[in-house]
Amino acid sequence: MTDDNLKEAEMILMETYQHFNDRDIDATLAAMHPDVDWPNGMEGGIEHGHGAIRNYWSKQWTVIHPHVEPVKFEKEEDGRMNVTVHQVVYGMDGKLLVDQIIHHIYTMEGGLIKSMEIKKTEEV
């Protein structure tokens, strides 16, 4: 990944986090490859493709209110992007459920997100 590609990926991801936090599913999915693989952080497993991710988030947002803020971007040796994020999750009643620093590891393809993995800070 060249420096220009790195900056482009960082911009794409920053915008995607903002769209996610705004609950703009269409804009968030627009940054993703049609065959994207996305982790299901609530139930486990992987969601594949835009339709599955749309369903997952639509369901998720009826039971929790997550907010994810990127705090650091790093390129991995294998070319993937490691984004350190501050994740805060509230229940629909406003009760704080999670406040943590985790890592989202992205594979980019053709300027789009191809896959994402979630790793706890101690796993990186």
N, C-alpha and C. Protein backbone atom coordinates (compact mmCIF):
# COMPACT_ATOMS: atom_id res chain seq x y z
N MET A 1 0.86 -1.18 0.00
CA MET A 1 0.00 0.00 0.00
C MET A 1 0.90 1.24 0.00
N THR A 2 0.72 2.09 -0.99
CA THR A 2 1.52 3.31 -1.08
C THR A 2 1.01 4.33 -0.06
N ASP A 3 1.78 5.41 0.13
CA ASP A 3 1.36 6.46 1.05
C ASP A 3 0.04 7.08 0.61
N ASP A 4 -0.12 7.26 -0.72
CA ASP A 4 -1.39 7.81 -1.24
C ASP A 4 -2.55 6.87 -0.94
N ASN A 5 -2.34 5.57 -1.15
CA ASN A 5 -3.39 4.58 -0.86
C ASN A 5 -3.70 4.54 0.63
N LEU A 6 -2.67 4.71 1.45
CA LEU A 6 -2.84 4.72 2.90
C LEU A 6 -3.72 5.89 3.32
N LYS A 7 -3.43 7.07 2.79
CA LYS A 7 -4.23 8.26 3.11
C LYS A 7 -5.67 8.10 2.60
N GLU A 8 -5.82 7.52 1.40
CA GLU A 8 -7.15 7.30 0.84
C GLU A 8 -7.94 6.33 1.72
N ALA A 9 -7.30 5.25 2.14
CA ALA A 9 -7.97 4.27 3.01
C ALA A 9 -8.35 4.91 4.34
N GLU A 10 -7.47 5.73 4.89
CA GLU A 10 -7.76 6.41 6.15
C GLU A 10 -8.97 7.34 6.00
N MET A 11 -9.03 8.09 4.89
CA MET A 11 -10.17 8.97 4.65
C MET A 11 -11.47 8.20 4.50
N ILE A 12 -11.42 7.11 3.73
CA ILE A 12 -12.61 6.26 3.53
C ILE A 12 -13.10 5.73 4.88
N LEU A 13 -12.18 5.25 5.69
CA LEU A 13 -12.57 4.68 6.98
C LEU A 13 -13.10 5.74 7.93
N MET A 14 -12.48 6.93 7.96
CA MET A 14 -12.99 8.01 8.81
C MET A 14 -14.44 8.35 8.44
N GLU A 15 -14.69 8.49 7.14
CA GLU A 15 -16.05 8.79 6.68
C GLU A 15 -17.01 7.66 7.03
N THR A 16 -16.54 6.43 6.89
CA THR A 16 -17.40 5.27 7.17
C THR A 16 -17.78 5.20 8.64
N TYR A 17 -16.83 5.48 9.53
CA TYR A 17 -17.17 5.53 10.97
C TYR A 17 -18.22 6.61 11.23
N GLN A 18 -18.07 7.77 10.59
CA GLN A 18 -19.04 8.84 10.80
C GLN A 18 -20.43 8.41 10.31
N HIS A 19 -20.48 7.79 9.14
CA HIS A 19 -21.77 7.32 8.62
C HIS A 19 -22.39 6.28 9.55
N PHE A 20 -21.56 5.37 10.08
CA PHE A 20 -22.06 4.36 11.02
C PHE A 20 -22.64 5.04 12.26
N ASN A 21 -21.88 5.97 12.83
CA ASN A 21 -22.34 6.66 14.03
C ASN A 21 -23.60 7.48 13.78
N ASP A 22 -23.78 7.95 12.54
CA ASP A 22 -24.99 8.68 12.15
C ASP A 22 -26.15 7.75 11.80
N ARG A 23 -25.90 6.44 11.81
CA ARG A 23 -26.88 5.41 11.45
C ARG A 23 -27.32 5.53 9.99
N ASP A 24 -26.40 5.94 9.13
CA ASP A 24 -26.67 6.05 7.70
C ASP A 24 -26.16 4.77 7.03
N ILE A 25 -27.02 3.76 7.00
CA ILE A 25 -26.62 2.44 6.49
C ILE A 25 -26.20 2.52 5.03
N ASP A 26 -26.96 3.24 4.20
CA ASP A 26 -26.63 3.30 2.78
C ASP A 26 -25.25 3.89 2.54
N ALA A 27 -24.94 4.99 3.21
CA ALA A 27 -23.62 5.62 3.03
C ALA A 27 -22.51 4.72 3.58
N THR A 28 -22.78 4.02 4.67
CA THR A 28 -21.78 3.12 5.24
C THR A 28 -21.51 1.97 4.28
N LEU A 29 -22.56 1.36 3.76
CA LEU A 29 -22.40 0.23 2.84
C LEU A 29 -21.75 0.66 1.52
N ALA A 30 -21.91 1.91 1.12
CA ALA A 30 -21.33 2.39 -0.13
C ALA A 30 -19.79 2.30 -0.11
N ALA A 31 -19.19 2.28 1.08
CA ALA A 31 -17.74 2.17 1.21
C ALA A 31 -17.27 0.72 1.22
N MET A 32 -18.22 -0.21 1.09
CA MET A 32 -17.88 -1.64 1.20
C MET A 32 -18.04 -2.37 -0.12
N HIS A 33 -17.15 -3.33 -0.33
CA HIS A 33 -17.22 -4.22 -1.48
C HIS A 33 -18.54 -5.00 -1.40
N PRO A 34 -19.18 -5.29 -2.53
CA PRO A 34 -20.44 -6.07 -2.48
C PRO A 34 -20.29 -7.42 -1.77
N ASP A 35 -19.11 -8.02 -1.83
CA ASP A 35 -18.87 -9.31 -1.17
C ASP A 35 -18.15 -9.16 0.16
N VAL A 36 -18.37 -8.07 0.84
CA VAL A 36 -17.68 -7.78 2.10
C VAL A 36 -18.00 -8.83 3.16
N ASP A 37 -17.02 -9.12 3.99
CA ASP A 37 -17.19 -9.96 5.18
C ASP A 37 -17.09 -9.06 6.40
N TRP A 38 -18.09 -9.15 7.28
CA TRP A 38 -18.18 -8.25 8.43
C TRP A 38 -18.49 -9.07 9.68
N PRO A 39 -17.76 -8.84 10.78
CA PRO A 39 -18.01 -9.63 11.99
C PRO A 39 -19.34 -9.26 12.65
N ASN A 40 -20.02 -10.27 13.14
CA ASN A 40 -21.23 -10.06 13.93
C ASN A 40 -20.80 -10.04 15.39
N GLY A 41 -20.57 -8.84 15.91
CA GLY A 41 -20.07 -8.68 17.27
C GLY A 41 -21.06 -9.06 18.35
N MET A 42 -22.33 -9.17 18.01
CA MET A 42 -23.34 -9.50 19.02
C MET A 42 -23.54 -11.01 19.17
N GLU A 43 -23.62 -11.70 18.04
CA GLU A 43 -23.97 -13.12 18.07
C GLU A 43 -22.83 -14.04 17.63
N GLY A 44 -21.76 -13.45 17.12
CA GLY A 44 -20.65 -14.24 16.61
C GLY A 44 -20.86 -14.54 15.13
N GLY A 45 -19.82 -15.00 14.50
CA GLY A 45 -19.88 -15.33 13.09
C GLY A 45 -19.58 -14.14 12.20
N ILE A 46 -19.80 -14.34 10.92
CA ILE A 46 -19.50 -13.34 9.90
C ILE A 46 -20.75 -13.06 9.08
N GLU A 47 -21.02 -11.80 8.83
CA GLU A 47 -22.08 -11.39 7.91
C GLU A 47 -21.42 -11.19 6.55
N HIS A 48 -22.03 -11.70 5.49
CA HIS A 48 -21.44 -11.62 4.15
C HIS A 48 -22.37 -10.84 3.21
N GLY A 49 -21.84 -9.74 2.69
CA GLY A 49 -22.59 -8.95 1.72
C GLY A 49 -23.43 -7.86 2.34
N HIS A 50 -23.81 -6.90 1.50
CA HIS A 50 -24.54 -5.73 1.96
C HIS A 50 -25.87 -6.07 2.63
N GLY A 51 -26.64 -6.99 2.05
CA GLY A 51 -27.94 -7.33 2.61
C GLY A 51 -27.84 -7.89 4.02
N ALA A 52 -26.88 -8.78 4.23
CA ALA A 52 -26.71 -9.38 5.55
C ALA A 52 -26.26 -8.34 6.58
N ILE A 53 -25.39 -7.43 6.16
CA ILE A 53 -24.92 -6.39 7.08
C ILE A 53 -26.06 -5.42 7.40
N ARG A 54 -26.83 -5.06 6.39
CA ARG A 54 -27.99 -4.18 6.62
C ARG A 54 -28.93 -4.81 7.66
N ASN A 55 -29.24 -6.09 7.50
CA ASN A 55 -30.12 -6.78 8.45
C ASN A 55 -29.52 -6.81 9.85
N TYR A 56 -28.23 -7.11 9.93
CA TYR A 56 -27.52 -7.18 11.21
C TYR A 56 -27.58 -5.83 11.93
N TRP A 57 -27.21 -4.75 11.23
CA TRP A 57 -27.23 -3.44 11.88
C TRP A 57 -28.64 -3.00 12.23
N SER A 58 -29.59 -3.26 11.36
CA SER A 58 -30.98 -2.88 11.64
C SER A 58 -31.46 -3.54 12.93
N LYS A 59 -31.12 -4.80 13.10
CA LYS A 59 -31.49 -5.53 14.32
C LYS A 59 -30.70 -5.00 15.52
N GLN A 60 -29.38 -4.84 15.33
CA GLN A 60 -28.51 -4.38 16.41
C GLN A 60 -28.99 -3.04 16.98
N TRP A 61 -29.34 -2.13 16.10
CA TRP A 61 -29.70 -0.78 16.53
C TRP A 61 -31.05 -0.70 17.20
N THR A 62 -31.78 -1.82 17.29
CA THR A 62 -33.03 -1.83 18.06
C THR A 62 -32.77 -2.21 19.51
N VAL A 63 -31.57 -2.75 19.81
CA VAL A 63 -31.29 -3.20 21.18
C VAL A 63 -30.11 -2.48 21.83
N ILE A 64 -29.21 -1.90 21.02
CA ILE A 64 -28.08 -1.16 21.58
C ILE A 64 -27.82 0.09 20.75
N HIS A 65 -27.10 1.02 21.35
CA HIS A 65 -26.70 2.25 20.66
C HIS A 65 -25.16 2.35 20.72
N PRO A 66 -24.48 1.80 19.70
CA PRO A 66 -23.03 1.86 19.68
C PRO A 66 -22.50 3.16 19.05
N HIS A 67 -21.36 3.61 19.54
CA HIS A 67 -20.64 4.74 18.96
C HIS A 67 -19.17 4.33 18.91
N VAL A 68 -18.58 4.42 17.71
CA VAL A 68 -17.20 3.97 17.52
C VAL A 68 -16.40 5.11 16.92
N GLU A 69 -15.35 5.51 17.63
CA GLU A 69 -14.53 6.64 17.22
C GLU A 69 -13.10 6.17 16.95
N PRO A 70 -12.61 6.33 15.72
CA PRO A 70 -11.22 5.95 15.43
C PRO A 70 -10.26 6.91 16.13
N VAL A 71 -9.20 6.34 16.72
CA VAL A 71 -8.21 7.19 17.40
C VAL A 71 -6.80 7.04 16.81
N LYS A 72 -6.57 5.97 16.04
CA LYS A 72 -5.24 5.76 15.46
C LYS A 72 -5.34 4.82 14.27
N PHE A 73 -4.59 5.12 13.22
CA PHE A 73 -4.53 4.29 12.02
C PHE A 73 -3.10 3.82 11.82
N GLU A 74 -2.95 2.52 11.57
CA GLU A 74 -1.62 1.96 11.31
C GLU A 74 -1.72 0.93 10.19
N LYS A 75 -0.70 0.92 9.34
CA LYS A 75 -0.65 -0.09 8.28
C LYS A 75 0.07 -1.32 8.83
N GLU A 76 -0.56 -2.47 8.69
CA GLU A 76 0.05 -3.73 9.09
C GLU A 76 1.08 -4.16 8.03
N GLU A 77 1.99 -5.06 8.40
CA GLU A 77 2.99 -5.55 7.46
C GLU A 77 2.36 -6.20 6.24
N ASP A 78 1.18 -6.82 6.42
CA ASP A 78 0.51 -7.50 5.30
C ASP A 78 -0.35 -6.55 4.47
N GLY A 79 -0.30 -5.25 4.79
CA GLY A 79 -1.03 -4.25 4.02
C GLY A 79 -2.40 -3.89 4.56
N ARG A 80 -2.88 -4.64 5.54
CA ARG A 80 -4.19 -4.31 6.12
C ARG A 80 -4.08 -3.06 6.99
N MET A 81 -5.22 -2.44 7.23
CA MET A 81 -5.28 -1.25 8.10
C MET A 81 -5.73 -1.66 9.49
N ASN A 82 -4.96 -1.27 10.49
CA ASN A 82 -5.30 -1.52 11.88
C ASN A 82 -5.77 -0.19 12.47
N VAL A 83 -7.06 -0.14 12.79
CA VAL A 83 -7.63 1.08 13.34
C VAL A 83 -7.94 0.85 14.81
N THR A 84 -7.27 1.61 15.66
CA THR A 84 -7.57 1.60 17.08
C THR A 84 -8.80 2.46 17.28
N VAL A 85 -9.82 1.91 17.92
CA VAL A 85 -11.08 2.63 18.10
C VAL A 85 -11.50 2.66 19.56
N HIS A 86 -12.18 3.73 19.91
CA HIS A 86 -12.82 3.84 21.22
C HIS A 86 -14.29 3.50 20.99
N GLN A 87 -14.73 2.38 21.56
CA GLN A 87 -16.09 1.89 21.37
C GLN A 87 -16.88 2.10 22.66
N VAL A 88 -17.98 2.82 22.54
CA VAL A 88 -18.89 3.04 23.66
C VAL A 88 -20.26 2.54 23.23
N VAL A 89 -20.85 1.67 24.05
CA VAL A 89 -22.14 1.07 23.71
C VAL A 89 -23.11 1.30 24.88
N TYR A 90 -24.27 1.84 24.53
CA TYR A 90 -25.33 2.04 25.51
C TYR A 90 -26.52 1.14 25.17
N GLY A 91 -27.21 0.72 26.21
CA GLY A 91 -28.48 0.05 26.01
C GLY A 91 -29.51 1.08 25.59
N MET A 92 -30.64 0.62 25.11
CA MET A 92 -31.68 1.55 24.67
C MET A 92 -32.26 2.34 25.85
N ASP A 93 -32.01 1.86 27.07
CA ASP A 93 -32.45 2.59 28.26
C ASP A 93 -31.44 3.65 28.69
N GLY A 94 -30.33 3.78 27.93
CA GLY A 94 -29.31 4.78 28.24
C GLY A 94 -28.21 4.29 29.16
N LYS A 95 -28.32 3.04 29.62
CA LYS A 95 -27.30 2.48 30.52
C LYS A 95 -26.04 2.14 29.74
N LEU A 96 -24.88 2.54 30.28
CA LEU A 96 -23.59 2.22 29.66
C LEU A 96 -23.33 0.72 29.77
N LEU A 97 -23.09 0.07 28.63
CA LEU A 97 -22.80 -1.36 28.60
C LEU A 97 -21.33 -1.65 28.35
N VAL A 98 -20.69 -0.88 27.47
CA VAL A 98 -19.29 -1.12 27.10
C VAL A 98 -18.61 0.22 26.88
N ASP A 99 -17.38 0.34 27.38
CA ASP A 99 -16.53 1.49 27.09
C ASP A 99 -15.12 0.93 27.01
N GLN A 100 -14.62 0.74 25.77
CA GLN A 100 -13.35 0.05 25.61
C GLN A 100 -12.58 0.53 24.38
N ILE A 101 -11.30 0.23 24.39
CA ILE A 101 -10.43 0.44 23.24
C ILE A 101 -10.24 -0.93 22.59
N ILE A 102 -10.54 -1.01 21.29
CA ILE A 102 -10.35 -2.25 20.54
C ILE A 102 -9.72 -1.91 19.19
N HIS A 103 -9.45 -2.94 18.41
CA HIS A 103 -8.87 -2.76 17.08
C HIS A 103 -9.78 -3.34 16.02
N HIS A 104 -9.94 -2.59 14.95
CA HIS A 104 -10.62 -3.07 13.75
C HIS A 104 -9.56 -3.22 12.68
N ILE A 105 -9.44 -4.42 12.14
CA ILE A 105 -8.43 -4.72 11.13
C ILE A 105 -9.14 -4.85 9.78
N TYR A 106 -8.81 -3.96 8.85
CA TYR A 106 -9.49 -3.88 7.55
C TYR A 106 -8.62 -4.39 6.42
N THR A 107 -9.25 -5.10 5.51
CA THR A 107 -8.67 -5.42 4.21
C THR A 107 -9.41 -4.55 3.20
N MET A 108 -8.66 -3.81 2.41
CA MET A 108 -9.23 -2.93 1.39
C MET A 108 -8.97 -3.55 0.02
N GLU A 109 -9.91 -3.36 -0.90
CA GLU A 109 -9.76 -3.86 -2.27
C GLU A 109 -10.43 -2.86 -3.21
N GLY A 110 -9.64 -2.30 -4.11
CA GLY A 110 -10.19 -1.36 -5.07
C GLY A 110 -10.83 -0.13 -4.43
N GLY A 111 -10.26 0.33 -3.31
CA GLY A 111 -10.80 1.49 -2.62
C GLY A 111 -12.03 1.22 -1.79
N LEU A 112 -12.38 -0.07 -1.62
CA LEU A 112 -13.55 -0.45 -0.83
C LEU A 112 -13.14 -1.39 0.30
N ILE A 113 -13.92 -1.43 1.35
CA ILE A 113 -13.68 -2.34 2.46
C ILE A 113 -14.09 -3.74 2.02
N LYS A 114 -13.15 -4.68 2.06
CA LYS A 114 -13.40 -6.07 1.66
C LYS A 114 -13.73 -6.93 2.89
N SER A 115 -13.06 -6.63 4.01
CA SER A 115 -13.35 -7.37 5.24
C SER A 115 -12.88 -6.57 6.45
N MET A 116 -13.45 -6.94 7.61
CA MET A 116 -13.05 -6.33 8.87
C MET A 116 -13.03 -7.41 9.95
N GLU A 117 -12.05 -7.32 10.81
CA GLU A 117 -11.95 -8.21 11.98
C GLU A 117 -11.91 -7.34 13.22
N ILE A 118 -12.43 -7.86 14.31
CA ILE A 118 -12.37 -7.19 15.60
C ILE A 118 -11.35 -7.91 16.47
N LYS A 119 -10.43 -7.15 17.06
CA LYS A 119 -9.45 -7.72 17.97
C LYS A 119 -9.40 -6.87 19.24
N LYS A 120 -9.31 -7.55 20.37
CA LYS A 120 -9.13 -6.84 21.63
C LYS A 120 -7.68 -6.34 21.67
N THR A 121 -7.46 -5.30 22.43
CA THR A 121 -6.13 -4.67 22.48
C THR A 121 -5.04 -5.67 22.81
N GLU A 122 -5.29 -6.60 23.73
CA GLU A 122 -4.25 -7.57 24.12
C GLU A 122 -3.99 -8.60 23.04
N GLU A 123 -4.85 -8.73 22.02
CA GLU A 123 -4.67 -9.71 20.95
C GLU A 123 -3.79 -9.18 19.82
N VAL A 124 -3.57 -7.88 19.78
CA VAL A 124 -2.86 -7.27 18.65
C VAL A 124 -1.36 -7.41 18.83
